[in-house]
Amino acid sequence: MDWRGEHNQDTTHAACLLMLQALQGRPCAKILNDNSNITHTTMTLTEWGLRWLEEMRNAGLEYIAWVLPSSLLARQAVENTVHYLEAPQVGTFDDVASAYVWLQQQQQQPVPQAASQA
């Protein structure tokens, strides 16, 4: 995800729902979430955001590399969000290159095989 421009609660919710729909349609365990091109945001940590991350985890997301925006307020919102999470595992970064390297190093959990019946 490459977020750009200005975002508020409404635009953030809309984009997050698109991310969830994409993940549900094409499951993947890792996402690089680049917020470095956000120029302004009024997004804050909400219960909705925590539920969204839980839904993303339920859709198969195991790791999210989160490149932080330069805005101090936006950075604090992200840091507050990831502080409460157990899963998916989140790494926060100042640049895309570091986020990419970290994401590549993360090992996906094996998908459980259905028990065979005799």
PDB file of N, CA and C in Angstrom:
ATOM      1  N   MET A   1       0.848  -1.173   0.000  1.00  0.00           N
ATOM      2  CA  MET A   1       0.000   0.000   0.000  1.00  0.00           C
ATOM      3  C   MET A   1       0.886   1.225   0.000  1.00  0.00           C
ATOM      4  N   ASP A   2       0.571   2.151  -0.864  1.00  0.00           N
ATOM      5  CA  ASP A   2       1.307   3.413  -0.949  1.00  0.00           C
ATOM      6  C   ASP A   2       0.308   4.545  -0.734  1.00  0.00           C
ATOM      7  N   TRP A   3       0.222   4.995   0.507  1.00  0.00           N
ATOM      8  CA  TRP A   3      -0.692   6.074   0.864  1.00  0.00           C
ATOM      9  C   TRP A   3      -0.086   7.395   0.418  1.00  0.00           C
ATOM     10  N   ARG A   4      -0.921   8.294  -0.112  1.00  0.00           N
ATOM     11  CA  ARG A   4      -0.434   9.589  -0.584  1.00  0.00           C
ATOM     12  C   ARG A   4      -1.420  10.693  -0.210  1.00  0.00           C
ATOM     13  N   GLY A   5      -0.878  11.893  -0.022  1.00  0.00           N
ATOM     14  CA  GLY A   5      -1.720  13.071   0.179  1.00  0.00           C
ATOM     15  C   GLY A   5      -2.255  13.200   1.587  1.00  0.00           C
ATOM     16  N   GLU A   6      -3.448  13.790   1.673  1.00  0.00           N
ATOM     17  CA  GLU A   6      -4.093  14.048   2.960  1.00  0.00           C
ATOM     18  C   GLU A   6      -5.111  12.954   3.265  1.00  0.00           C
ATOM     19  N   HIS A   7      -5.206  12.613   4.547  1.00  0.00           N
ATOM     20  CA  HIS A   7      -6.189  11.608   4.968  1.00  0.00           C
ATOM     21  C   HIS A   7      -6.846  12.028   6.268  1.00  0.00           C
ATOM     22  N   ASN A   8      -8.130  11.708   6.356  1.00  0.00           N
ATOM     23  CA  ASN A   8      -8.884  11.894   7.593  1.00  0.00           C
ATOM     24  C   ASN A   8      -9.512  10.554   7.948  1.00  0.00           C
ATOM     25  N   GLN A   9     -10.339  10.539   8.964  1.00  0.00           N
ATOM     26  CA  GLN A   9     -10.945   9.268   9.383  1.00  0.00           C
ATOM     27  C   GLN A   9     -11.719   8.619   8.239  1.00  0.00           C
ATOM     28  N   ASP A  10     -12.489   9.411   7.470  1.00  0.00           N
ATOM     29  CA  ASP A  10     -13.314   8.843   6.401  1.00  0.00           C
ATOM     30  C   ASP A  10     -12.478   8.243   5.281  1.00  0.00           C
ATOM     31  N   THR A  11     -11.457   8.973   4.823  1.00  0.00           N
ATOM     32  CA  THR A  11     -10.638   8.443   3.728  1.00  0.00           C
ATOM     33  C   THR A  11      -9.797   7.256   4.206  1.00  0.00           C
ATOM     34  N   THR A  12      -9.379   7.307   5.450  1.00  0.00           N
ATOM     35  CA  THR A  12      -8.620   6.190   6.010  1.00  0.00           C
ATOM     36  C   THR A  12      -9.498   4.948   6.097  1.00  0.00           C
ATOM     37  N   HIS A  13     -10.727   5.098   6.591  1.00  0.00           N
ATOM     38  CA  HIS A  13     -11.637   3.950   6.672  1.00  0.00           C
ATOM     39  C   HIS A  13     -11.883   3.359   5.281  1.00  0.00           C
ATOM     40  N   ALA A  14     -12.145   4.230   4.300  1.00  0.00           N
ATOM     41  CA  ALA A  14     -12.421   3.750   2.948  1.00  0.00           C
ATOM     42  C   ALA A  14     -11.229   2.965   2.391  1.00  0.00           C
ATOM     43  N   ALA A  15     -10.023   3.499   2.558  1.00  0.00           N
ATOM     44  CA  ALA A  15      -8.833   2.811   2.052  1.00  0.00           C
ATOM     45  C   ALA A  15      -8.593   1.496   2.794  1.00  0.00           C
ATOM     46  N   CYS A  16      -8.808   1.497   4.093  1.00  0.00           N
ATOM     47  CA  CYS A  16      -8.619   0.270   4.876  1.00  0.00           C
ATOM     48  C   CYS A  16      -9.610  -0.809   4.458  1.00  0.00           C
ATOM     49  N   LEU A  17     -10.841  -0.423   4.179  1.00  0.00           N
ATOM     50  CA  LEU A  17     -11.824  -1.403   3.710  1.00  0.00           C
ATOM     51  C   LEU A  17     -11.423  -1.976   2.352  1.00  0.00           C
ATOM     52  N   LEU A  18     -10.861  -1.143   1.483  1.00  0.00           N
ATOM     53  CA  LEU A  18     -10.357  -1.646   0.199  1.00  0.00           C
ATOM     54  C   LEU A  18      -9.216  -2.634   0.412  1.00  0.00           C
ATOM     55  N   MET A  19      -8.340  -2.333   1.364  1.00  0.00           N
ATOM     56  CA  MET A  19      -7.243  -3.258   1.678  1.00  0.00           C
ATOM     57  C   MET A  19      -7.792  -4.596   2.152  1.00  0.00           C
ATOM     58  N   LEU A  20      -8.799  -4.556   3.024  1.00  0.00           N
ATOM     59  CA  LEU A  20      -9.389  -5.786   3.544  1.00  0.00           C
ATOM     60  C   LEU A  20     -10.034  -6.587   2.418  1.00  0.00           C
ATOM     61  N   GLN A  21     -10.771  -5.913   1.542  1.00  0.00           N
ATOM     62  CA  GLN A  21     -11.399  -6.608   0.413  1.00  0.00           C
ATOM     63  C   GLN A  21     -10.347  -7.250  -0.485  1.00  0.00           C
ATOM     64  N   ALA A  22      -9.270  -6.535  -0.733  1.00  0.00           N
ATOM     65  CA  ALA A  22      -8.199  -7.087  -1.569  1.00  0.00           C
ATOM     66  C   ALA A  22      -7.570  -8.304  -0.911  1.00  0.00           C
ATOM     67  N   LEU A  23      -7.335  -8.224   0.390  1.00  0.00           N
ATOM     68  CA  LEU A  23      -6.723  -9.341   1.109  1.00  0.00           C
ATOM     69  C   LEU A  23      -7.660 -10.550   1.146  1.00  0.00           C
ATOM     70  N   GLN A  24      -8.954 -10.298   1.300  1.00  0.00           N
ATOM     71  CA  GLN A  24      -9.906 -11.400   1.305  1.00  0.00           C
ATOM     72  C   GLN A  24     -10.005 -12.051  -0.071  1.00  0.00           C
ATOM     73  N   GLY A  25      -9.850 -11.259  -1.125  1.00  0.00           N
ATOM     74  CA  GLY A  25      -9.922 -11.793  -2.483  1.00  0.00           C
ATOM     75  C   GLY A  25      -8.641 -12.453  -2.942  1.00  0.00           C
ATOM     76  N   ARG A  26      -7.542 -11.989  -2.393  1.00  0.00           N
ATOM     77  CA  ARG A  26      -6.229 -12.539  -2.768  1.00  0.00           C
ATOM     78  C   ARG A  26      -5.376 -12.600  -1.506  1.00  0.00           C
ATOM     79  N   PRO A  27      -5.560 -13.637  -0.709  1.00  0.00           N
ATOM     80  CA  PRO A  27      -4.869 -13.727   0.588  1.00  0.00           C
ATOM     81  C   PRO A  27      -3.344 -13.670   0.459  1.00  0.00           C
ATOM     82  N   CYS A  28      -2.739 -12.988   1.387  1.00  0.00           N
ATOM     83  CA  CYS A  28      -1.289 -12.969   1.507  1.00  0.00           C
ATOM     84  C   CYS A  28      -0.949 -12.757   2.978  1.00  0.00           C
ATOM     85  N   ALA A  29       0.213 -13.181   3.363  1.00  0.00           N
ATOM     86  CA  ALA A  29       0.613 -13.124   4.769  1.00  0.00           C
ATOM     87  C   ALA A  29       1.391 -11.863   5.112  1.00  0.00           C
ATOM     88  N   LYS A  30       1.878 -11.146   4.090  1.00  0.00           N
ATOM     89  CA  LYS A  30       2.748  -9.989   4.334  1.00  0.00           C
ATOM     90  C   LYS A  30       2.277  -8.782   3.524  1.00  0.00           C
ATOM     91  N   ILE A  31       2.309  -7.624   4.179  1.00  0.00           N
ATOM     92  CA  ILE A  31       1.966  -6.373   3.499  1.00  0.00           C
ATOM     93  C   ILE A  31       2.979  -5.312   3.896  1.00  0.00           C
ATOM     94  N   LEU A  32       3.409  -4.533   2.896  1.00  0.00           N
ATOM     95  CA  LEU A  32       4.222  -3.354   3.159  1.00  0.00           C
ATOM     96  C   LEU A  32       3.277  -2.160   3.053  1.00  0.00           C
ATOM     97  N   ASN A  33       3.078  -1.461   4.151  1.00  0.00           N
ATOM     98  CA  ASN A  33       2.143  -0.346   4.252  1.00  0.00           C
ATOM     99  C   ASN A  33       2.941   0.952   4.348  1.00  0.00           C
ATOM    100  N   ASP A  34       3.088   1.642   3.210  1.00  0.00           N
ATOM    101  CA  ASP A  34       3.936   2.828   3.132  1.00  0.00           C
ATOM    102  C   ASP A  34       3.123   4.095   3.369  1.00  0.00           C
ATOM    103  N   ASN A  35       3.337   4.724   4.508  1.00  0.00           N
ATOM    104  CA  ASN A  35       2.672   5.990   4.844  1.00  0.00           C
ATOM    105  C   ASN A  35       3.599   7.191   4.675  1.00  0.00           C
ATOM    106  N   SER A  36       4.771   6.982   4.090  1.00  0.00           N
ATOM    107  CA  SER A  36       5.755   8.068   4.010  1.00  0.00           C
ATOM    108  C   SER A  36       5.325   9.213   3.103  1.00  0.00           C
ATOM    109  N   ASN A  37       4.369   8.993   2.202  1.00  0.00           N
ATOM    110  CA  ASN A  37       3.905  10.042   1.294  1.00  0.00           C
ATOM    111  C   ASN A  37       2.624  10.718   1.762  1.00  0.00           C
ATOM    112  N   ILE A  38       2.229  10.471   2.999  1.00  0.00           N
ATOM    113  CA  ILE A  38       1.078  11.190   3.560  1.00  0.00           C
ATOM    114  C   ILE A  38       1.547  12.588   3.923  1.00  0.00           C
ATOM    115  N   THR A  39       0.846  13.579   3.408  1.00  0.00           N
ATOM    116  CA  THR A  39       1.241  14.967   3.665  1.00  0.00           C
ATOM    117  C   THR A  39       0.549  15.551   4.893  1.00  0.00           C
ATOM    118  N   HIS A  40      -0.630  15.038   5.210  1.00  0.00           N
ATOM    119  CA  HIS A  40      -1.359  15.512   6.385  1.00  0.00           C
ATOM    120  C   HIS A  40      -2.403  14.461   6.743  1.00  0.00           C
ATOM    121  N   THR A  41      -2.584  14.257   8.032  1.00  0.00           N
ATOM    122  CA  THR A  41      -3.617  13.320   8.457  1.00  0.00           C
ATOM    123  C   THR A  41      -4.221  13.774   9.771  1.00  0.00           C
ATOM    124  N   THR A  42      -5.496  13.464   9.923  1.00  0.00           N
ATOM    125  CA  THR A  42      -6.183  13.685  11.194  1.00  0.00           C
ATOM    126  C   THR A  42      -6.661  12.353  11.746  1.00  0.00           C
ATOM    127  N   MET A  43      -6.117  11.272  11.197  1.00  0.00           N
ATOM    128  CA  MET A  43      -6.466   9.934  11.642  1.00  0.00           C
ATOM    129  C   MET A  43      -5.968   9.720  13.064  1.00  0.00           C
ATOM    130  N   THR A  44      -6.799   9.095  13.882  1.00  0.00           N
ATOM    131  CA  THR A  44      -6.403   8.757  15.240  1.00  0.00           C
ATOM    132  C   THR A  44      -6.739   7.303  15.506  1.00  0.00           C
ATOM    133  N   LEU A  45      -6.136   6.766  16.532  1.00  0.00           N
ATOM    134  CA  LEU A  45      -6.410   5.389  16.929  1.00  0.00           C
ATOM    135  C   LEU A  45      -7.854   5.282  17.397  1.00  0.00           C
ATOM    136  N   THR A  46      -8.561   4.332  16.837  1.00  0.00           N
ATOM    137  CA  THR A  46      -9.941   4.097  17.236  1.00  0.00           C
ATOM    138  C   THR A  46     -10.147   2.604  17.413  1.00  0.00           C
ATOM    139  N   GLU A  47     -11.229   2.269  18.052  1.00  0.00           N
ATOM    140  CA  GLU A  47     -11.592   0.861  18.198  1.00  0.00           C
ATOM    141  C   GLU A  47     -11.832   0.241  16.824  1.00  0.00           C
ATOM    142  N   TRP A  48     -12.344   1.047  15.898  1.00  0.00           N
ATOM    143  CA  TRP A  48     -12.574   0.574  14.541  1.00  0.00           C
ATOM    144  C   TRP A  48     -11.265   0.085  13.918  1.00  0.00           C
ATOM    145  N   GLY A  49     -10.197   0.858  14.086  1.00  0.00           N
ATOM    146  CA  GLY A  49      -8.904   0.496  13.518  1.00  0.00           C
ATOM    147  C   GLY A  49      -8.369  -0.805  14.080  1.00  0.00           C
ATOM    148  N   LEU A  50      -8.557  -1.004  15.365  1.00  0.00           N
ATOM    149  CA  LEU A  50      -8.108  -2.264  15.979  1.00  0.00           C
ATOM    150  C   LEU A  50      -8.924  -3.437  15.464  1.00  0.00           C
ATOM    151  N   ARG A  51     -10.234  -3.242  15.279  1.00  0.00           N
ATOM    152  CA  ARG A  51     -11.074  -4.313  14.715  1.00  0.00           C
ATOM    153  C   ARG A  51     -10.658  -4.609  13.274  1.00  0.00           C
ATOM    154  N   TRP A  52     -10.330  -3.545  12.513  1.00  0.00           N
ATOM    155  CA  TRP A  52      -9.901  -3.730  11.127  1.00  0.00           C
ATOM    156  C   TRP A  52      -8.633  -4.576  11.079  1.00  0.00           C
ATOM    157  N   LEU A  53      -7.671  -4.286  11.931  1.00  0.00           N
ATOM    158  CA  LEU A  53      -6.441  -5.079  11.950  1.00  0.00           C
ATOM    159  C   LEU A  53      -6.723  -6.531  12.334  1.00  0.00           C
ATOM    160  N   GLU A  54      -7.680  -6.742  13.224  1.00  0.00           N
ATOM    161  CA  GLU A  54      -8.074  -8.109  13.592  1.00  0.00           C
ATOM    162  C   GLU A  54      -8.693  -8.815  12.378  1.00  0.00           C
ATOM    163  N   GLU A  55      -9.526  -8.096  11.625  1.00  0.00           N
ATOM    164  CA  GLU A  55     -10.118  -8.679  10.419  1.00  0.00           C
ATOM    165  C   GLU A  55      -9.040  -8.992   9.380  1.00  0.00           C
ATOM    166  N   MET A  56      -8.043  -8.125   9.285  1.00  0.00           N
ATOM    167  CA  MET A  56      -6.935  -8.389   8.368  1.00  0.00           C
ATOM    168  C   MET A  56      -6.199  -9.655   8.791  1.00  0.00           C
ATOM    169  N   ARG A  57      -5.975  -9.818  10.088  1.00  0.00           N
ATOM    170  CA  ARG A  57      -5.329 -11.027  10.588  1.00  0.00           C
ATOM    171  C   ARG A  57      -6.180 -12.251  10.260  1.00  0.00           C
ATOM    172  N   ASN A  58      -7.482 -12.145  10.476  1.00  0.00           N
ATOM    173  CA  ASN A  58      -8.387 -13.259  10.175  1.00  0.00           C
ATOM    174  C   ASN A  58      -8.393 -13.615   8.693  1.00  0.00           C
ATOM    175  N   ALA A  59      -8.077 -12.643   7.849  1.00  0.00           N
ATOM    176  CA  ALA A  59      -8.028 -12.882   6.402  1.00  0.00           C
ATOM    177  C   ALA A  59      -6.677 -13.441   5.966  1.00  0.00           C
ATOM    178  N   GLY A  60      -5.757 -13.631   6.917  1.00  0.00           N
ATOM    179  CA  GLY A  60      -4.486 -14.273   6.591  1.00  0.00           C
ATOM    180  C   GLY A  60      -3.242 -13.427   6.795  1.00  0.00           C
ATOM    181  N   LEU A  61      -3.404 -12.162   7.145  1.00  0.00           N
ATOM    182  CA  LEU A  61      -2.245 -11.300   7.323  1.00  0.00           C
ATOM    183  C   LEU A  61      -1.486 -11.685   8.591  1.00  0.00           C
ATOM    184  N   GLU A  62      -0.205 -11.967   8.439  1.00  0.00           N
ATOM    185  CA  GLU A  62       0.646 -12.312   9.575  1.00  0.00           C
ATOM    186  C   GLU A  62       1.623 -11.192   9.920  1.00  0.00           C
ATOM    187  N   TYR A  63       2.096 -10.464   8.906  1.00  0.00           N
ATOM    188  CA  TYR A  63       3.123  -9.432   9.102  1.00  0.00           C
ATOM    189  C   TYR A  63       2.773  -8.184   8.310  1.00  0.00           C
ATOM    190  N   ILE A  64       2.969  -7.051   8.947  1.00  0.00           N
ATOM    191  CA  ILE A  64       2.811  -5.785   8.243  1.00  0.00           C
ATOM    192  C   ILE A  64       4.009  -4.899   8.559  1.00  0.00           C
ATOM    193  N   ALA A  65       4.707  -4.497   7.510  1.00  0.00           N
ATOM    194  CA  ALA A  65       5.818  -3.560   7.646  1.00  0.00           C
ATOM    195  C   ALA A  65       5.226  -2.180   7.404  1.00  0.00           C
ATOM    196  N   TRP A  66       5.259  -1.329   8.409  1.00  0.00           N
ATOM    197  CA  TRP A  66       4.570  -0.043   8.376  1.00  0.00           C
ATOM    198  C   TRP A  66       5.607   1.066   8.315  1.00  0.00           C
ATOM    199  N   VAL A  67       5.722   1.710   7.148  1.00  0.00           N
ATOM    200  CA  VAL A  67       6.626   2.842   6.982  1.00  0.00           C
ATOM    201  C   VAL A  67       5.898   4.073   7.500  1.00  0.00           C
ATOM    202  N   LEU A  68       6.494   4.707   8.492  1.00  0.00           N
ATOM    203  CA  LEU A  68       5.834   5.803   9.188  1.00  0.00           C
ATOM    204  C   LEU A  68       5.849   7.101   8.388  1.00  0.00           C
ATOM    205  N   PRO A  69       4.797   7.897   8.537  1.00  0.00           N
ATOM    206  CA  PRO A  69       4.786   9.217   7.896  1.00  0.00           C
ATOM    207  C   PRO A  69       5.713  10.169   8.642  1.00  0.00           C
ATOM    208  N   SER A  70       6.075  11.254   7.990  1.00  0.00           N
ATOM    209  CA  SER A  70       6.975  12.208   8.643  1.00  0.00           C
ATOM    210  C   SER A  70       6.267  13.043   9.698  1.00  0.00           C
ATOM    211  N   SER A  71       4.954  13.185   9.601  1.00  0.00           N
ATOM    212  CA  SER A  71       4.187  13.966  10.572  1.00  0.00           C
ATOM    213  C   SER A  71       4.239  13.314  11.948  1.00  0.00           C
ATOM    214  N   LEU A  72       4.614  14.085  12.947  1.00  0.00           N
ATOM    215  CA  LEU A  72       4.722  13.558  14.302  1.00  0.00           C
ATOM    216  C   LEU A  72       3.389  13.026  14.807  1.00  0.00           C
ATOM    217  N   LEU A  73       2.299  13.736  14.552  1.00  0.00           N
ATOM    218  CA  LEU A  73       0.977  13.299  15.004  1.00  0.00           C
ATOM    219  C   LEU A  73       0.606  11.960  14.363  1.00  0.00           C
ATOM    220  N   ALA A  74       0.846  11.842  13.058  1.00  0.00           N
ATOM    221  CA  ALA A  74       0.528  10.593  12.364  1.00  0.00           C
ATOM    222  C   ALA A  74       1.404   9.451  12.866  1.00  0.00           C
ATOM    223  N   ARG A  75       2.673   9.725  13.122  1.00  0.00           N
ATOM    224  CA  ARG A  75       3.583   8.694  13.644  1.00  0.00           C
ATOM    225  C   ARG A  75       3.082   8.195  14.991  1.00  0.00           C
ATOM    226  N   GLN A  76       2.638   9.117  15.836  1.00  0.00           N
ATOM    227  CA  GLN A  76       2.143   8.735  17.158  1.00  0.00           C
ATOM    228  C   GLN A  76       0.903   7.862  17.040  1.00  0.00           C
ATOM    229  N   ALA A  77       0.023   8.158  16.071  1.00  0.00           N
ATOM    230  CA  ALA A  77      -1.184   7.343  15.878  1.00  0.00           C
ATOM    231  C   ALA A  77      -0.808   5.913  15.512  1.00  0.00           C
ATOM    232  N   VAL A  78       0.170   5.758  14.625  1.00  0.00           N
ATOM    233  CA  VAL A  78       0.613   4.420  14.220  1.00  0.00           C
ATOM    234  C   VAL A  78       1.258   3.702  15.402  1.00  0.00           C
ATOM    235  N   GLU A  79       2.173   4.369  16.085  1.00  0.00           N
ATOM    236  CA  GLU A  79       2.855   3.753  17.227  1.00  0.00           C
ATOM    237  C   GLU A  79       1.857   3.327  18.301  1.00  0.00           C
ATOM    238  N   ASN A  80       0.837   4.145  18.542  1.00  0.00           N
ATOM    239  CA  ASN A  80      -0.191   3.783  19.521  1.00  0.00           C
ATOM    240  C   ASN A  80      -0.972   2.558  19.069  1.00  0.00           C
ATOM    241  N   THR A  81      -1.233   2.471  17.780  1.00  0.00           N
ATOM    242  CA  THR A  81      -1.965   1.326  17.239  1.00  0.00           C
ATOM    243  C   THR A  81      -1.182   0.044  17.437  1.00  0.00           C
ATOM    244  N   VAL A  82       0.072   0.031  17.033  1.00  0.00           N
ATOM    245  CA  VAL A  82       0.845  -1.205  17.079  1.00  0.00           C
ATOM    246  C   VAL A  82       1.190  -1.614  18.505  1.00  0.00           C
ATOM    247  N   HIS A  83       1.156  -0.679  19.422  1.00  0.00           N
ATOM    248  CA  HIS A  83       1.432  -0.985  20.828  1.00  0.00           C
ATOM    249  C   HIS A  83       0.429  -1.997  21.384  1.00  0.00           C
ATOM    250  N   TYR A  84      -0.801  -1.959  20.906  1.00  0.00           N
ATOM    251  CA  TYR A  84      -1.865  -2.813  21.424  1.00  0.00           C
ATOM    252  C   TYR A  84      -1.991  -4.149  20.703  1.00  0.00           C
ATOM    253  N   LEU A  85      -1.233  -4.363  19.651  1.00  0.00           N
ATOM    254  CA  LEU A  85      -1.415  -5.543  18.814  1.00  0.00           C
ATOM    255  C   LEU A  85      -0.564  -6.720  19.240  1.00  0.00           C
ATOM    256  N   GLU A  86      -1.172  -7.889  19.190  1.00  0.00           N
ATOM    257  CA  GLU A  86      -0.423  -9.135  19.323  1.00  0.00           C
ATOM    258  C   GLU A  86      -0.249  -9.758  17.941  1.00  0.00           C
ATOM    259  N   ALA A  87      -1.256  -9.614  17.095  1.00  0.00           N
ATOM    260  CA  ALA A  87      -1.193 -10.142  15.732  1.00  0.00           C
ATOM    261  C   ALA A  87      -2.115  -9.286  14.872  1.00  0.00           C
ATOM    262  N   PRO A  88      -1.762  -9.001  13.648  1.00  0.00           N
ATOM    263  CA  PRO A  88      -0.539  -9.417  12.996  1.00  0.00           C
ATOM    264  C   PRO A  88       0.676  -8.750  13.623  1.00  0.00           C
ATOM    265  N   GLN A  89       1.833  -9.339  13.391  1.00  0.00           N
ATOM    266  CA  GLN A  89       3.069  -8.744  13.887  1.00  0.00           C
ATOM    267  C   GLN A  89       3.386  -7.526  13.035  1.00  0.00           C
ATOM    268  N   VAL A  90       3.693  -6.408  13.711  1.00  0.00           N
ATOM    269  CA  VAL A  90       3.934  -5.153  13.004  1.00  0.00           C
ATOM    270  C   VAL A  90       5.343  -4.660  13.287  1.00  0.00           C
ATOM    271  N   GLY A  91       6.038  -4.288  12.229  1.00  0.00           N
ATOM    272  CA  GLY A  91       7.313  -3.601  12.349  1.00  0.00           C
ATOM    273  C   GLY A  91       7.127  -2.192  11.828  1.00  0.00           C
ATOM    274  N   THR A  92       7.662  -1.195  12.529  1.00  0.00           N
ATOM    275  CA  THR A  92       7.560   0.185  12.066  1.00  0.00           C
ATOM    276  C   THR A  92       8.932   0.666  11.599  1.00  0.00           C
ATOM    277  N   PHE A  93       8.921   1.454  10.528  1.00  0.00           N
ATOM    278  CA  PHE A  93      10.159   1.849   9.868  1.00  0.00           C
ATOM    279  C   PHE A  93      10.080   3.282   9.376  1.00  0.00           C
ATOM    280  N   ASP A  94      11.256   3.870   9.157  1.00  0.00           N
ATOM    281  CA  ASP A  94      11.344   5.223   8.623  1.00  0.00           C
ATOM    282  C   ASP A  94      11.518   5.239   7.110  1.00  0.00           C
ATOM    283  N   ASP A  95      11.822   4.093   6.512  1.00  0.00           N
ATOM    284  CA  ASP A  95      12.034   4.055   5.070  1.00  0.00           C
ATOM    285  C   ASP A  95      11.575   2.715   4.493  1.00  0.00           C
ATOM    286  N   VAL A  96      11.244   2.743   3.222  1.00  0.00           N
ATOM    287  CA  VAL A  96      10.721   1.561   2.535  1.00  0.00           C
ATOM    288  C   VAL A  96      11.759   0.457   2.459  1.00  0.00           C
ATOM    289  N   ALA A  97      13.006   0.795   2.213  1.00  0.00           N
ATOM    290  CA  ALA A  97      14.052  -0.225   2.069  1.00  0.00           C
ATOM    291  C   ALA A  97      14.186  -1.070   3.334  1.00  0.00           C
ATOM    292  N   SER A  98      14.210  -0.430   4.493  1.00  0.00           N
ATOM    293  CA  SER A  98      14.319  -1.171   5.758  1.00  0.00           C
ATOM    294  C   SER A  98      13.084  -2.026   5.994  1.00  0.00           C
ATOM    295  N   ALA A  99      11.920  -1.480   5.671  1.00  0.00           N
ATOM    296  CA  ALA A  99      10.665  -2.227   5.837  1.00  0.00           C
ATOM    297  C   ALA A  99      10.669  -3.467   4.950  1.00  0.00           C
ATOM    298  N   TYR A 100      11.142  -3.313   3.727  1.00  0.00           N
ATOM    299  CA  TYR A 100      11.182  -4.418   2.783  1.00  0.00           C
ATOM    300  C   TYR A 100      12.112  -5.533   3.270  1.00  0.00           C
ATOM    301  N   VAL A 101      13.281  -5.156   3.736  1.00  0.00           N
ATOM    302  CA  VAL A 101      14.242  -6.150   4.235  1.00  0.00           C
ATOM    303  C   VAL A 101      13.643  -6.910   5.405  1.00  0.00           C
ATOM    304  N   TRP A 102      13.027  -6.200   6.358  1.00  0.00           N
ATOM    305  CA  TRP A 102      12.415  -6.850   7.521  1.00  0.00           C
ATOM    306  C   TRP A 102      11.315  -7.809   7.079  1.00  0.00           C
ATOM    307  N   LEU A 103      10.478  -7.347   6.161  1.00  0.00           N
ATOM    308  CA  LEU A 103       9.363  -8.172   5.705  1.00  0.00           C
ATOM    309  C   LEU A 103       9.855  -9.441   5.030  1.00  0.00           C
ATOM    310  N   GLN A 104      10.910  -9.344   4.255  1.00  0.00           N
ATOM    311  CA  GLN A 104      11.468 -10.511   3.585  1.00  0.00           C
ATOM    312  C   GLN A 104      12.029 -11.528   4.577  1.00  0.00           C
ATOM    313  N   GLN A 105      12.469 -11.063   5.725  1.00  0.00           N
ATOM    314  CA  GLN A 105      13.055 -11.949   6.734  1.00  0.00           C
ATOM    315  C   GLN A 105      12.009 -12.692   7.566  1.00  0.00           C
ATOM    316  N   GLN A 106      10.769 -12.246   7.511  1.00  0.00           N
ATOM    317  CA  GLN A 106       9.728 -12.865   8.326  1.00  0.00           C
ATOM    318  C   GLN A 106       9.270 -14.170   7.690  1.00  0.00           C
ATOM    319  N   GLN A 107       9.165 -15.198   8.517  1.00  0.00           N
ATOM    320  CA  GLN A 107       8.771 -16.514   8.047  1.00  0.00           C
ATOM    321  C   GLN A 107       7.272 -16.704   8.230  1.00  0.00           C
ATOM    322  N   GLN A 108       6.603 -17.068   7.151  1.00  0.00           N
ATOM    323  CA  GLN A 108       5.175 -17.331   7.223  1.00  0.00           C
ATOM    324  C   GLN A 108       4.926 -18.593   8.035  1.00  0.00           C
ATOM    325  N   GLN A 109       3.814 -18.589   8.739  1.00  0.00           N
ATOM    326  CA  GLN A 109       3.410 -19.764   9.498  1.00  0.00           C
ATOM    327  C   GLN A 109       2.852 -20.810   8.536  1.00  0.00           C
ATOM    328  N   PRO A 110       3.177 -22.082   8.753  1.00  0.00           N
ATOM    329  CA  PRO A 110       2.638 -23.118   7.859  1.00  0.00           C
ATOM    330  C   PRO A 110       1.118 -23.199   7.985  1.00  0.00           C
ATOM    331  N   VAL A 111       0.480 -23.445   6.866  1.00  0.00           N
ATOM    332  CA  VAL A 111      -0.976 -23.610   6.869  1.00  0.00           C
ATOM    333  C   VAL A 111      -1.293 -24.995   7.401  1.00  0.00           C
ATOM    334  N   PRO A 112      -2.156 -25.105   8.424  1.00  0.00           N
ATOM    335  CA  PRO A 112      -2.465 -26.429   8.973  1.00  0.00           C
ATOM    336  C   PRO A 112      -3.136 -27.311   7.931  1.00  0.00           C
ATOM    337  N   GLN A 113      -2.698 -28.547   7.844  1.00  0.00           N
ATOM    338  CA  GLN A 113      -3.292 -29.512   6.927  1.00  0.00           C
ATOM    339  C   GLN A 113      -4.516 -30.134   7.590  1.00  0.00           C
ATOM    340  N   ALA A 114      -5.536 -30.346   6.801  1.00  0.00           N
ATOM    341  CA  ALA A 114      -6.744 -30.998   7.317  1.00  0.00           C
ATOM    342  C   ALA A 114      -6.391 -32.436   7.719  1.00  0.00           C
ATOM    343  N   ALA A 115      -6.889 -32.834   8.839  1.00  0.00           N
ATOM    344  CA  ALA A 115      -6.597 -34.200   9.314  1.00  0.00           C
ATOM    345  C   ALA A 115      -7.267 -35.203   8.377  1.00  0.00           C
ATOM    346  N   SER A 116      -6.507 -36.183   7.989  1.00  0.00           N
ATOM    347  CA  SER A 116      -7.096 -37.208   7.112  1.00  0.00           C
ATOM    348  C   SER A 116      -7.928 -38.173   7.951  1.00  0.00           C
ATOM    349  N   GLN A 117      -8.997 -38.610   7.351  1.00  0.00           N
ATOM    350  CA  GLN A 117      -9.878 -39.544   8.060  1.00  0.00           C
ATOM    351  C   GLN A 117      -9.679 -40.945   7.502  1.00  0.00           C
ATOM    352  N   ALA A 118      -9.579 -41.901   8.388  1.00  0.00           N
ATOM    353  CA  ALA A 118      -9.353 -43.289   7.967  1.00  0.00           C
ATOM    354  C   ALA A 118     -10.639 -44.020   7.815  1.00  0.00           C
TER     355      ALA A 118
END
